[in-house]
Amino acid sequence: MKIKKIIKHQWECILRYVYIKCWDIPNKNEKIFLFESRDGFSFTDSPRYVFNELMKRPSLENSKFVWIYSRHVVLDDLKTTLPFVDERVMFVKRDTISYAKILAKANYLITNSTFPFWFVKSAHQIYLNTWHGTPLKKMGFDLPDSELSKNVIRNFLMADVILSPNDHMTNILKNSYKLDGIYTGVIAEVGLPRMDTIGTAKDILRRQFSAHDIEFDELKQTILYAPTFRGMGPNQMDDSVNHLLNDVQKMQYFFEHRYNFLVKVHPYVYRKLKKILPATHLIPDYVDTNDVLQITDILITDYSSVFFDFLNFKKPILFYVWDQKYYDSERGMYFTKDDLPGPVFTKLQLLQKYIGDGDFQLNRSLLMKSMTVNDDGNASRRAVNILLGEKKITATSKKNILIVAGKHRLTGEEIKTISLLSYEFDVTLLLSTNNTLNAELKKVRKMYIFGHILMTPFEKIMRSKDGVEREYKRLVGMIDWDKIIVLDEKIKKSKFCS
């Protein structure tokens, strides 16, 4: 195990070195668009729809379009989700030398998640983050441990454009991720491109289902069970997978004679569940969820934001939340169960009885209607127009102060001073990952020093100005602070390097 970690570390050092050597060198010969969906595990979600829209633009006939794929997937499977592919399209494996080069050289970067911790957007690049849905679960600084979002916040602050489907998501970005007052890019409330349905979805699904022996009868109605991930990260999975397996087996037995019963789980869960659940009902991870929603008659979910995407179909949405109390205490939600567009069940037997009775009550509140105001089939076009057009810079109302604490433990007097500053200024604390922040400083934005320094060995020795500036941008994005206060003496001496 130690040998694997050493090899992985050494390989990351090589990737960073290659990336640095290619970084900030303008690519003048052609336009390169790079697409990455969920760390290369699929070619789905909004990046897929942005790609489709770009491919249709006559002005981009001489451009290159690069899709990133993970070494853990079968590339030919992922290709089946792309309706339009020609000689302009390339495929590059993630975490390779080619990946490091193209990530540095591409003119346009499109992702629905985050790029690696060693990624830094350069001056010649335009970065579009589509994110991956309207949140029901609490996010960012609304979580007890905001350090879990450290790479997300870093990526957001580097993005030129972040897409938002509605006012709720815009508020989440501004307040729950504390972008308000510091973000200088554009939060574009234009809708999610993935809501622009593709007419070929059924044909694509037929091929994908056939290739994986998924049982599907087109004469039957279809139930999709799409539960969310329980836990805080891919390595923090709890024993809920065993509960999920037990429920799926019971649902399969109860529904399969009358309905097509399909299961689509979170990517983290899929990697574990595919080893223990028969493939006849489990939809492969690379299949686009929005394609599956187009053939779904009844959606069963819990805390997953997938139900927001299903609202426009005006079909039954049922919520099965067997661990409601536990989940509320651990994570929490932005809406109450009275806000949800369907009945909530805590016991599987009651859910099965409700479906068996067939008396479905649709409940679309004004709140839920506000979530779909931009779902008119043109979100991809609007997103691409913004991507290719001029970007507006957002003006900030307060002056920004960056306080670099690093490993320095704040004294009581320092905490009091910072707290007072936060009422007049927009204050950000830059902390080492093992440094805890006092609960009194809830108004203060926390960012973290993590990952390895993005400098070559020579740059470290010489304290290269270019290397220091690049590392600074890696940690805090493209922000010009009005004032910087350094408390950690070691960081002060190293000019923001540790």
Protein backbone atom coordinates (compact mmCIF):
# COMPACT_ATOMS: atom_id res chain seq x y z
CA MET A 1 0.00 0.00 0.00
CA LYS A 2 2.86 2.39 0.86
CA ILE A 3 4.51 1.62 -2.48
CA LYS A 4 1.32 2.55 -4.33
CA LYS A 5 1.11 5.85 -2.44
CA ILE A 6 4.75 6.63 -3.23
CA ILE A 7 4.23 5.86 -6.93
CA LYS A 8 1.06 7.97 -7.00
CA HIS A 9 2.85 10.87 -5.32
CA GLN A 10 5.78 10.69 -7.74
CA TRP A 11 3.44 10.56 -10.72
CA GLU A 12 1.55 13.63 -9.47
CA CYS A 13 4.90 15.44 -9.18
CA ILE A 14 5.59 14.62 -12.85
CA LEU A 15 2.12 15.80 -13.90
CA ARG A 16 2.53 19.07 -12.02
CA TYR A 17 5.94 19.63 -13.60
CA VAL A 18 4.58 19.07 -17.12
CA TYR A 19 1.58 21.28 -16.34
CA ILE A 20 3.80 24.12 -15.10
CA LYS A 21 5.98 23.95 -18.23
CA CYS A 22 2.89 24.30 -20.46
CA TRP A 23 1.03 26.76 -18.22
CA ASP A 24 0.13 30.25 -19.42
CA ILE A 25 1.49 29.69 -22.93
CA PRO A 26 -1.23 31.04 -25.27
CA ASN A 27 -2.53 28.58 -27.84
CA LYS A 28 -2.81 30.74 -30.96
CA ASN A 29 -3.09 28.12 -33.70
CA GLU A 30 -6.63 26.91 -32.97
CA LYS A 31 -9.40 27.03 -30.39
CA ILE A 32 -9.41 24.06 -28.02
CA PHE A 33 -12.48 23.29 -25.88
CA LEU A 34 -11.91 20.88 -22.99
CA PHE A 35 -14.84 19.01 -21.40
CA GLU A 36 -14.72 17.12 -18.13
CA SER A 37 -17.76 15.61 -16.43
CA ARG A 38 -17.41 14.14 -12.95
CA ASP A 39 -13.63 13.62 -13.10
CA GLY A 40 -13.92 11.85 -16.44
CA PHE A 41 -16.33 9.13 -15.32
CA SER A 42 -18.94 10.12 -17.91
CA PHE A 43 -19.68 12.33 -20.91
CA THR A 44 -22.97 13.48 -19.40
CA ASP A 45 -24.76 16.33 -17.66
CA SER A 46 -24.54 19.96 -18.81
CA PRO A 47 -21.04 19.67 -20.38
CA ARG A 48 -22.54 17.19 -22.86
CA TYR A 49 -25.22 19.69 -23.91
CA VAL A 50 -22.76 22.58 -24.13
CA PHE A 51 -20.61 20.34 -26.34
CA ASN A 52 -23.57 19.55 -28.61
CA GLU A 53 -24.36 23.25 -28.98
CA LEU A 54 -20.75 24.19 -29.75
CA MET A 55 -20.46 21.43 -32.35
CA LYS A 56 -23.33 23.03 -34.29
CA ARG A 57 -21.73 26.48 -34.47
CA PRO A 58 -20.38 27.18 -38.01
CA SER A 59 -17.77 29.57 -36.61
CA LEU A 60 -16.09 26.67 -34.77
CA GLU A 61 -15.53 24.35 -37.73
CA ASN A 62 -11.75 24.52 -37.25
CA SER A 63 -11.79 24.07 -33.48
CA LYS A 64 -10.85 21.03 -31.41
CA PHE A 65 -13.11 19.47 -28.80
CA VAL A 66 -11.43 17.35 -26.14
CA TRP A 67 -13.29 15.02 -23.78
CA ILE A 68 -11.50 13.80 -20.66
CA TYR A 69 -12.10 10.22 -19.52
CA SER A 70 -11.02 8.28 -16.44
CA ARG A 71 -8.81 5.20 -16.54
CA HIS A 72 -11.54 3.44 -14.55
CA VAL A 73 -14.09 3.53 -17.40
CA VAL A 74 -14.54 1.99 -20.84
CA LEU A 75 -14.14 4.79 -23.38
CA ASP A 76 -16.40 3.15 -25.97
CA ASP A 77 -19.22 3.11 -23.40
CA LEU A 78 -18.84 6.81 -22.72
CA LYS A 79 -18.85 7.63 -26.43
CA THR A 80 -22.39 6.25 -26.78
CA THR A 81 -23.79 9.30 -24.97
CA LEU A 82 -22.50 11.74 -27.61
CA PRO A 83 -24.92 12.13 -30.56
CA PHE A 84 -22.53 14.33 -32.56
CA VAL A 85 -18.89 13.30 -33.06
CA ASP A 86 -16.56 14.05 -35.99
CA GLU A 87 -12.84 14.46 -36.71
CA ARG A 88 -12.67 17.56 -34.48
CA VAL A 89 -13.29 15.49 -31.34
CA MET A 90 -10.44 14.01 -29.30
CA PHE A 91 -10.39 11.87 -26.16
CA VAL A 92 -7.70 12.22 -23.50
CA LYS A 93 -7.23 10.01 -20.45
CA ARG A 94 -7.24 11.82 -17.12
CA ASP A 95 -4.09 11.95 -14.96
CA THR A 96 -1.74 11.42 -17.89
CA ILE A 97 0.97 13.59 -19.44
CA SER A 98 -1.46 14.42 -22.27
CA TYR A 99 -4.04 15.50 -19.70
CA ALA A 100 -1.60 17.85 -17.95
CA LYS A 101 -0.68 19.41 -21.29
CA ILE A 102 -4.22 19.89 -22.59
CA LEU A 103 -5.47 21.23 -19.25
CA ALA A 104 -2.79 23.93 -19.50
CA LYS A 105 -3.21 24.66 -23.22
CA ALA A 106 -6.99 24.54 -23.80
CA ASN A 107 -8.61 27.91 -24.50
CA TYR A 108 -11.97 26.98 -23.00
CA LEU A 109 -12.56 24.75 -19.96
CA ILE A 110 -15.99 23.27 -19.22
CA THR A 111 -16.74 21.09 -16.19
CA ASN A 112 -19.70 20.25 -13.95
CA SER A 113 -17.52 19.68 -10.90
CA THR A 114 -13.91 20.66 -10.17
CA PHE A 115 -10.49 20.39 -11.74
CA PRO A 116 -7.56 18.91 -9.72
CA PHE A 117 -5.99 20.73 -6.77
CA TRP A 118 -2.98 21.64 -8.95
CA PHE A 119 -5.09 23.35 -11.61
CA VAL A 120 -4.75 27.12 -11.97
CA LYS A 121 -6.68 28.98 -14.66
CA SER A 122 -4.25 31.01 -16.74
CA ALA A 123 -4.84 34.42 -18.34
CA HIS A 124 -5.54 32.97 -21.80
CA GLN A 125 -8.21 30.54 -20.59
CA ILE A 126 -11.97 30.94 -20.13
CA TYR A 127 -13.49 28.65 -17.51
CA LEU A 128 -17.18 27.70 -17.48
CA ASN A 129 -18.44 25.75 -14.47
CA THR A 130 -21.92 24.33 -15.08
CA TRP A 131 -22.14 22.63 -11.66
CA HIS A 132 -24.49 19.67 -11.40
CA GLY A 133 -27.91 20.62 -10.19
CA THR A 134 -30.18 22.53 -7.85
CA PRO A 135 -29.30 21.60 -4.26
CA LEU A 136 -31.79 20.20 -1.78
CA LYS A 137 -29.03 19.23 0.68
CA LYS A 138 -27.03 21.91 2.46
CA MET A 139 -23.79 22.91 0.78
CA GLY A 140 -20.55 24.84 1.25
CA PHE A 141 -20.34 26.93 4.41
CA ASP A 142 -23.77 25.72 5.52
CA LEU A 143 -22.12 22.40 6.39
CA PRO A 144 -20.50 21.86 9.81
CA ASP A 145 -17.12 21.33 8.13
CA SER A 146 -16.56 23.79 5.27
CA GLU A 147 -13.12 22.30 4.61
CA LEU A 148 -14.93 19.60 2.59
CA SER A 149 -15.66 22.29 -0.03
CA LYS A 150 -12.12 23.68 -0.22
CA ASN A 151 -11.47 22.64 -3.83
CA VAL A 152 -15.00 23.59 -4.90
CA ILE A 153 -14.65 27.16 -3.60
CA ARG A 154 -11.19 27.45 -5.16
CA ASN A 155 -12.58 26.37 -8.54
CA PHE A 156 -15.57 28.69 -8.30
CA LEU A 157 -13.31 31.67 -7.65
CA MET A 158 -11.29 30.85 -10.77
CA ALA A 159 -14.31 30.36 -13.03
CA ASP A 160 -15.22 33.14 -15.47
CA VAL A 161 -18.81 31.91 -15.57
CA ILE A 162 -20.84 29.73 -13.19
CA LEU A 163 -24.21 28.56 -14.47
CA SER A 164 -27.26 28.73 -12.23
CA PRO A 165 -30.66 27.17 -13.00
CA ASN A 166 -32.69 29.47 -10.75
CA ASP A 167 -32.72 32.11 -8.02
CA HIS A 168 -32.35 29.45 -5.30
CA MET A 169 -29.05 28.21 -6.74
CA THR A 170 -27.82 31.77 -7.28
CA ASN A 171 -28.39 32.45 -3.58
CA ILE A 172 -26.57 29.22 -2.67
CA LEU A 173 -23.56 30.32 -4.72
CA LYS A 174 -23.55 33.83 -3.28
CA ASN A 175 -24.24 32.98 0.35
CA SER A 176 -23.67 29.28 1.09
CA TYR A 177 -20.39 29.32 -0.85
CA LYS A 178 -19.75 32.95 0.19
CA LEU A 179 -18.99 34.12 -3.35
CA ASP A 180 -20.84 37.36 -2.78
CA GLY A 181 -18.40 40.20 -2.22
CA ILE A 182 -15.38 38.36 -3.60
CA TYR A 183 -16.29 36.64 -6.89
CA THR A 184 -15.47 38.77 -9.95
CA GLY A 185 -16.86 36.46 -12.62
CA VAL A 186 -20.45 35.99 -13.80
CA ILE A 187 -23.14 33.91 -12.12
CA ALA A 188 -25.32 33.30 -15.18
CA GLU A 189 -28.87 32.40 -14.18
CA VAL A 190 -29.73 30.94 -17.59
CA GLY A 191 -30.89 27.43 -16.64
CA LEU A 192 -29.05 24.11 -16.84
CA PRO A 193 -28.09 22.97 -20.36
CA ARG A 194 -28.84 19.36 -19.36
CA MET A 195 -32.54 20.28 -19.26
CA ASP A 196 -32.48 20.80 -23.05
CA THR A 197 -33.75 17.36 -24.02
CA ILE A 198 -32.15 15.44 -26.89
CA GLY A 199 -34.53 13.68 -29.27
CA THR A 200 -32.18 10.71 -29.67
CA ALA A 201 -32.25 9.80 -25.95
CA LYS A 202 -34.47 6.73 -26.38
CA ASP A 203 -32.29 5.29 -29.15
CA ILE A 204 -29.16 5.88 -27.07
CA LEU A 205 -30.72 4.15 -24.05
CA ARG A 206 -31.81 1.14 -26.10
CA ARG A 207 -28.21 0.53 -27.16
CA GLN A 208 -26.86 1.10 -23.67
CA PHE A 209 -29.44 -1.13 -21.98
CA SER A 210 -28.88 -3.89 -24.53
CA ALA A 211 -25.11 -3.76 -24.06
CA HIS A 212 -25.49 -4.28 -20.30
CA ASP A 213 -28.42 -6.75 -20.28
CA ILE A 214 -30.74 -4.35 -18.46
CA GLU A 215 -34.29 -5.67 -18.41
CA PHE A 216 -36.64 -3.19 -20.08
CA ASP A 217 -40.08 -3.75 -21.60
CA GLU A 218 -41.26 -0.75 -23.64
CA LEU A 219 -44.90 -1.79 -23.08
CA LYS A 220 -44.58 -1.30 -19.31
CA GLN A 221 -44.41 1.89 -17.31
CA THR A 222 -41.08 2.64 -15.66
CA ILE A 223 -40.15 3.35 -12.05
CA LEU A 224 -36.77 4.96 -11.46
CA TYR A 225 -35.27 4.75 -7.97
CA ALA A 226 -32.56 7.41 -7.66
CA PRO A 227 -31.29 7.77 -4.07
CA THR A 228 -28.53 10.18 -3.15
CA PHE A 229 -25.15 9.55 -1.54
CA ARG A 230 -25.04 9.44 2.26
CA GLY A 231 -21.73 10.59 3.61
CA MET A 232 -19.39 13.53 3.10
CA GLY A 233 -17.01 12.15 0.47
CA PRO A 234 -15.99 9.11 -1.58
CA ASN A 235 -13.91 7.75 1.29
CA GLN A 236 -16.52 8.43 3.96
CA MET A 237 -19.21 6.00 2.88
CA ASP A 238 -21.30 4.62 5.74
CA ASP A 239 -23.21 1.36 6.06
CA SER A 240 -26.23 2.84 4.23
CA VAL A 241 -25.11 0.90 1.13
CA ASN A 242 -26.21 -2.31 2.84
CA HIS A 243 -29.59 -0.75 3.61
CA LEU A 244 -29.84 0.40 -0.01
CA LEU A 245 -29.10 -3.08 -1.31
CA ASN A 246 -31.79 -4.59 0.92
CA ASP A 247 -34.39 -2.00 -0.18
CA VAL A 248 -33.56 -2.41 -3.87
CA GLN A 249 -34.02 -6.17 -3.65
CA LYS A 250 -37.43 -5.72 -2.00
CA MET A 251 -38.52 -3.08 -4.55
CA GLN A 252 -37.35 -5.24 -7.43
CA TYR A 253 -39.43 -8.18 -6.21
CA PHE A 254 -42.49 -5.98 -5.57
CA PHE A 255 -42.48 -3.92 -8.79
CA GLU A 256 -40.89 -5.96 -11.56
CA HIS A 257 -44.05 -7.78 -12.72
CA ARG A 258 -45.97 -4.56 -13.32
CA TYR A 259 -43.23 -2.00 -14.00
CA ASN A 260 -39.76 -1.68 -15.39
CA PHE A 261 -37.77 -1.08 -12.23
CA LEU A 262 -34.51 0.83 -12.72
CA VAL A 263 -31.94 1.99 -10.20
CA LYS A 264 -29.61 4.98 -10.75
CA VAL A 265 -27.32 5.73 -7.84
CA HIS A 266 -24.69 8.33 -7.01
CA PRO A 267 -21.29 7.68 -8.65
CA TYR A 268 -19.63 7.03 -5.28
CA VAL A 269 -22.25 4.39 -4.47
CA TYR A 270 -22.23 2.82 -7.94
CA ARG A 271 -18.59 1.78 -7.66
CA LYS A 272 -19.52 -0.33 -4.64
CA LEU A 273 -23.05 -1.42 -5.55
CA LYS A 274 -22.15 -2.77 -9.00
CA LYS A 275 -20.12 -5.50 -7.32
CA ILE A 276 -23.07 -6.85 -5.33
CA LEU A 277 -26.25 -5.97 -7.24
CA PRO A 278 -27.44 -7.84 -10.37
CA ALA A 279 -26.88 -5.69 -13.46
CA THR A 280 -30.39 -6.29 -14.83
CA HIS A 281 -31.78 -3.26 -12.96
CA LEU A 282 -28.72 -1.15 -12.11
CA ILE A 283 -28.11 1.56 -14.71
CA PRO A 284 -24.39 1.98 -15.52
CA ASP A 285 -22.78 5.07 -14.09
CA TYR A 286 -21.86 6.50 -17.50
CA VAL A 287 -25.51 6.64 -18.66
CA ASP A 288 -26.93 10.16 -18.54
CA THR A 289 -29.58 10.46 -15.82
CA ASN A 290 -31.51 13.04 -17.85
CA ASP A 291 -31.88 10.52 -20.68
CA VAL A 292 -33.35 8.03 -18.20
CA LEU A 293 -35.77 10.64 -16.84
CA GLN A 294 -37.28 10.91 -20.32
CA ILE A 295 -38.51 7.30 -20.12
CA THR A 296 -39.50 7.45 -16.43
CA ASP A 297 -43.15 7.43 -15.31
CA ILE A 298 -42.64 7.44 -11.53
CA LEU A 299 -39.57 8.81 -9.74
CA ILE A 300 -38.60 7.61 -6.27
CA THR A 301 -35.84 9.58 -4.59
CA ASP A 302 -34.83 10.99 -1.23
CA TYR A 303 -32.49 13.96 -0.88
CA SER A 304 -31.17 13.86 -4.41
CA SER A 305 -31.58 16.99 -6.50
CA VAL A 306 -32.62 14.76 -9.42
CA PHE A 307 -36.27 15.52 -8.63
CA PHE A 308 -35.79 19.15 -9.71
CA ASP A 309 -34.95 17.88 -13.20
CA PHE A 310 -38.11 15.76 -13.22
CA LEU A 311 -40.54 18.55 -12.27
CA ASN A 312 -41.29 19.60 -15.85
CA PHE A 313 -42.50 16.11 -16.77
CA LYS A 314 -45.50 16.61 -14.42
CA LYS A 315 -45.32 12.98 -13.31
CA PRO A 316 -45.38 11.46 -9.79
CA ILE A 317 -42.36 12.16 -7.56
CA LEU A 318 -42.21 10.12 -4.36
CA PHE A 319 -39.75 10.65 -1.51
CA TYR A 320 -38.50 7.65 0.46
CA VAL A 321 -36.48 8.91 3.44
CA TRP A 322 -35.93 6.01 5.80
CA ASP A 323 -33.26 7.93 7.74
CA GLN A 324 -34.94 11.35 7.88
CA LYS A 325 -33.96 12.27 11.46
CA TYR A 326 -30.38 11.07 11.15
CA TYR A 327 -29.85 12.86 7.85
CA ASP A 328 -31.34 16.13 9.10
CA SER A 329 -28.92 16.15 12.04
CA GLU A 330 -25.88 15.26 9.91
CA ARG A 331 -26.44 17.28 6.73
CA GLY A 332 -29.73 19.14 6.67
CA MET A 333 -31.89 20.42 3.80
CA TYR A 334 -32.91 23.79 2.39
CA PHE A 335 -36.59 22.83 2.13
CA THR A 336 -39.09 21.22 4.47
CA LYS A 337 -41.07 18.16 3.46
CA ASP A 338 -44.13 20.42 2.97
CA ASP A 339 -42.22 22.19 0.18
CA LEU A 340 -41.54 18.97 -1.72
CA PRO A 341 -43.64 18.15 -4.82
CA GLY A 342 -44.79 14.75 -3.60
CA PRO A 343 -45.55 12.60 -0.54
CA VAL A 344 -42.77 11.58 1.87
CA PHE A 345 -42.47 8.03 3.16
CA THR A 346 -40.22 6.76 5.93
CA LYS A 347 -41.21 3.10 5.56
CA LEU A 348 -40.83 1.04 2.39
CA GLN A 349 -44.10 -0.83 2.95
CA LEU A 350 -46.10 2.42 2.88
CA LEU A 351 -44.35 3.53 -0.31
CA GLN A 352 -45.12 0.22 -2.00
CA LYS A 353 -48.77 0.37 -0.92
CA TYR A 354 -49.10 3.93 -2.27
CA ILE A 355 -47.77 2.88 -5.67
CA GLY A 356 -49.91 -0.23 -5.61
CA ASP A 357 -53.05 1.83 -5.02
CA GLY A 358 -52.13 4.05 -7.98
CA ASP A 359 -53.84 7.19 -6.65
CA PHE A 360 -51.02 9.67 -7.32
CA GLN A 361 -51.39 13.26 -6.14
CA LEU A 362 -49.27 15.84 -7.95
CA ASN A 363 -48.23 18.76 -5.77
CA ARG A 364 -46.49 21.58 -7.63
CA SER A 365 -46.14 24.53 -5.31
CA LEU A 366 -45.15 28.03 -6.43
CA LEU A 367 -41.78 27.35 -4.84
CA MET A 368 -41.21 24.33 -7.07
CA LYS A 369 -42.38 26.25 -10.14
CA SER A 370 -39.70 28.85 -9.44
CA MET A 371 -37.06 26.12 -9.79
CA THR A 372 -37.90 25.51 -13.45
CA VAL A 373 -38.45 29.04 -14.78
CA ASN A 374 -35.46 28.78 -17.15
CA ASP A 375 -36.20 25.29 -18.47
CA ASP A 376 -37.32 26.33 -21.95
CA GLY A 377 -34.97 24.18 -24.04
CA ASN A 378 -32.57 27.03 -24.80
CA ALA A 379 -30.20 26.99 -21.80
CA SER A 380 -27.37 25.48 -23.86
CA ARG A 381 -27.59 28.26 -26.43
CA ARG A 382 -27.58 30.94 -23.73
CA ALA A 383 -24.64 29.31 -21.94
CA VAL A 384 -22.57 29.09 -25.14
CA ASN A 385 -23.36 32.70 -26.06
CA ILE A 386 -21.98 33.77 -22.67
CA LEU A 387 -18.98 31.44 -22.99
CA LEU A 388 -18.01 32.90 -26.37
CA GLY A 389 -18.95 36.49 -25.56
CA GLU A 390 -17.49 39.19 -23.40
CA LYS A 391 -17.53 38.64 -19.64
CA LYS A 392 -18.76 41.30 -17.27
CA ILE A 393 -16.82 41.90 -14.07
CA THR A 394 -18.88 41.93 -10.90
CA ALA A 395 -18.25 44.96 -8.72
CA THR A 396 -17.86 44.34 -4.99
CA SER A 397 -19.45 46.66 -2.43
CA LYS A 398 -17.02 46.04 0.45
CA LYS A 399 -13.24 46.12 0.54
CA ASN A 400 -11.63 42.68 0.66
CA ILE A 401 -9.15 41.63 3.32
CA LEU A 402 -7.17 38.39 3.16
CA ILE A 403 -5.78 37.22 6.51
CA VAL A 404 -3.20 34.47 6.03
CA ALA A 405 -3.28 32.47 9.27
CA GLY A 406 -1.74 29.25 7.94
CA LYS A 407 -0.79 27.11 10.95
CA HIS A 408 -0.92 30.08 13.30
CA ARG A 409 -3.45 29.54 16.10
CA LEU A 410 -5.59 32.63 16.59
CA THR A 411 -5.44 34.23 19.99
CA GLY A 412 -8.53 35.55 21.74
CA GLU A 413 -7.55 39.12 20.90
CA GLU A 414 -6.99 38.24 17.22
CA ILE A 415 -10.38 36.53 17.03
CA LYS A 416 -12.03 39.61 18.50
CA THR A 417 -10.24 41.91 16.04
CA ILE A 418 -11.10 39.74 13.01
CA SER A 419 -14.72 39.56 14.16
CA LEU A 420 -14.92 43.35 14.30
CA LEU A 421 -13.28 43.67 10.86
CA SER A 422 -15.89 41.32 9.34
CA TYR A 423 -18.66 43.84 10.01
CA GLU A 424 -17.00 46.51 7.92
CA PHE A 425 -14.98 44.48 5.40
CA ASP A 426 -15.29 41.25 3.42
CA VAL A 427 -12.83 39.06 5.34
CA THR A 428 -11.25 35.80 4.17
CA LEU A 429 -9.07 33.60 6.37
CA LEU A 430 -6.51 31.39 4.62
CA LEU A 431 -5.82 28.41 6.89
CA SER A 432 -3.78 25.23 6.85
CA THR A 433 -6.07 22.21 6.70
CA ASN A 434 -5.23 21.17 10.26
CA ASN A 435 -6.01 24.61 11.69
CA THR A 436 -9.47 24.95 13.24
CA LEU A 437 -11.45 28.19 13.12
CA ASN A 438 -13.28 29.44 16.17
CA ALA A 439 -17.07 29.25 15.91
CA GLU A 440 -17.29 32.96 16.74
CA LEU A 441 -16.05 33.78 13.23
CA LYS A 442 -19.04 32.49 11.27
CA LYS A 443 -19.19 35.62 9.10
CA VAL A 444 -15.62 35.06 7.92
CA ARG A 445 -14.93 33.10 4.74
CA LYS A 446 -12.52 30.19 5.17
CA MET A 447 -10.15 29.04 2.47
CA TYR A 448 -7.43 26.43 2.84
CA ILE A 449 -3.81 25.73 2.04
CA PHE A 450 -3.85 22.18 0.70
CA GLY A 451 -2.26 19.99 -1.96
CA HIS A 452 1.33 20.36 -3.12
CA ILE A 453 2.97 23.62 -4.13
CA LEU A 454 2.65 24.31 -7.85
CA MET A 455 6.29 25.21 -8.41
CA THR A 456 9.21 23.40 -10.00
CA PRO A 457 12.18 22.46 -7.75
CA PHE A 458 14.19 25.26 -9.37
CA GLU A 459 11.42 27.80 -8.70
CA LYS A 460 11.30 26.75 -5.03
CA ILE A 461 15.05 27.21 -4.59
CA MET A 462 15.12 30.57 -6.37
CA ARG A 463 11.83 31.76 -4.90
CA SER A 464 10.75 32.53 -8.45
CA LYS A 465 8.30 35.42 -8.72
CA ASP A 466 6.34 33.55 -11.43
CA GLY A 467 6.19 30.43 -9.26
CA VAL A 468 5.05 32.35 -6.19
CA GLU A 469 2.34 34.14 -8.18
CA ARG A 470 1.12 30.85 -9.68
CA GLU A 471 0.92 29.21 -6.27
CA TYR A 472 -0.89 32.26 -4.88
CA LYS A 473 -3.51 31.96 -7.65
CA ARG A 474 -3.83 28.23 -6.98
CA LEU A 475 -4.81 28.88 -3.39
CA VAL A 476 -7.09 31.92 -3.68
CA GLY A 477 -8.10 32.20 -7.32
CA MET A 478 -7.85 35.33 -9.43
CA ILE A 479 -8.60 37.83 -6.66
CA ASP A 480 -6.90 41.18 -6.16
CA TRP A 481 -7.15 41.87 -2.43
CA ASP A 482 -7.43 45.39 -1.05
CA LYS A 483 -5.31 44.34 1.92
CA ILE A 484 -3.36 41.22 2.91
CA ILE A 485 -2.39 40.48 6.51
CA VAL A 486 0.01 37.58 7.15
CA LEU A 487 0.00 36.07 10.65
CA ASP A 488 2.00 32.91 9.96
CA GLU A 489 5.68 33.89 10.16
CA LYS A 490 6.83 30.94 8.04
CA ILE A 491 4.45 31.91 5.23
CA LYS A 492 5.50 35.55 5.54
CA LYS A 493 9.12 34.59 4.92
CA SER A 494 8.24 32.32 2.01
CA LYS A 495 5.95 34.81 0.28
CA PHE A 496 2.77 32.72 0.61
CA CYS A 497 4.47 29.34 0.14
CA SER A 498 4.47 26.65 2.81
